[in-house]
């Protein structure tokens, strides 16, 4: 064999060995600067080393899911999730960096923190398990470390810069590797996002701040009233009285809207810290997300339980809400307010109900009705509950004459007062085995 042939063979062996080393060199994570950010390595994302691989050309995709939308709260830590979809991928590698837009993408924005199986690489070449880098002026990249990732979903933690930093730009590169030990067949994807600082006036929903408007329970029902409590909802107090159009309730009141499980709710009242609304028509049950949107942004999602029934009685505000909002039915459709004498002061008048009289109790959430009532439109009439309502007064069963909606979201239970002693008597009620969770009363006289 000639010397030239031997040299050529040697070169081929060296090149082959080099390619094998290159293929596995980044098993522990790529070098810094493999995203599409300004100042990163020449070429585009990981294609600098994965030569011949078209960016975003593998038939799949990568993206980042943000729990708070495309905003950040200055100085606060947040977690976002990298999601990559590629049918041939065996494992995944990634690198991500965050830069200030005001610096032309050349200045670090906030600090990255390495999670499990990750490391933070700094522009001075150091690699640290937890951020920040040694000096604040260094750029940072977070990436996989020690082993590639088998899941196509990867959480990343980032602490936002202080207020006044402006918009930030996130740059992401992902290698969806086929696991054959070479760069051939691997797919490289890149994505980038701009996050804006959240307004200090962005609405927020209180913890456990979504409740049945009558009972205060954290379970609500489609087509019934619920309340949302929080901050920065509105600068004025507004009701829907002047906002209805052709019998359709507004889903935007004073610039405020509420979504339940992705559906807009009809809103009856807004103030700085409270919203009253009708849960939109929905066949879903279980935990659902609720958001509030104002001209200043959208709140972080809060959850509430959506159920087929969530019965509750409205109460008069006097005496700490002890008494059910109720009336005594009189001949010729006349009524009197039911309660102890003087409950509202000198006017309007209230009186106890006598055994044998028919009383009307008002509430919400007593289940499906026939006919069904559209919660987005005005309804007036009688739509009976499809399941009977059970009622006791003073521990005695009360005969229910009617239970159902008399207006959109508003239920009434018409019942005969049983023979019980005079005084404040407790009321219990249930529908389809679901009880009213309140301790409430009506006043009975002789």
Foldseek 3Di string as FASTA:
>chain_A
DDPVVVVVVVVVVVVVVVQLCLLCVQQFHDFPQQWQFPPRDPDHHPCVSLPPADAVPQPWAKDKAALAPQADAAQAKGKIKIAIDHPLFQFKKKKKWKAQVVVVRQFGWFAWAADPQKWKAWPVGDIHRGDDDPDRRITIMMIGGPGTGRHRMDMIMTGGHHPPSFKMKMKMKMWRDNPPSGSPPIHIYIDMGIHGYADPLAWEFDALQKAQPFQRHLEDEAQAKIKTFTANQAAAKDFQPPPDDPFFADQADRQKHKDKQNHTWRWGIDDGTMTMTHHADDPDFAKIWMWMQGPRGIYRTDIGTYDQFAKGFHADPAPPRQAGAKWWADPPRDIATFAPACSVHPPDGYHHAEAFTKMKGKIFGQGAWVVGDGLRGWDADFTAHPWDKWKDWQNHTWAWPTWGDRIRNMIMTITGHHDDDFAWTWMWMHTPPHIHPDGHTTGYDD
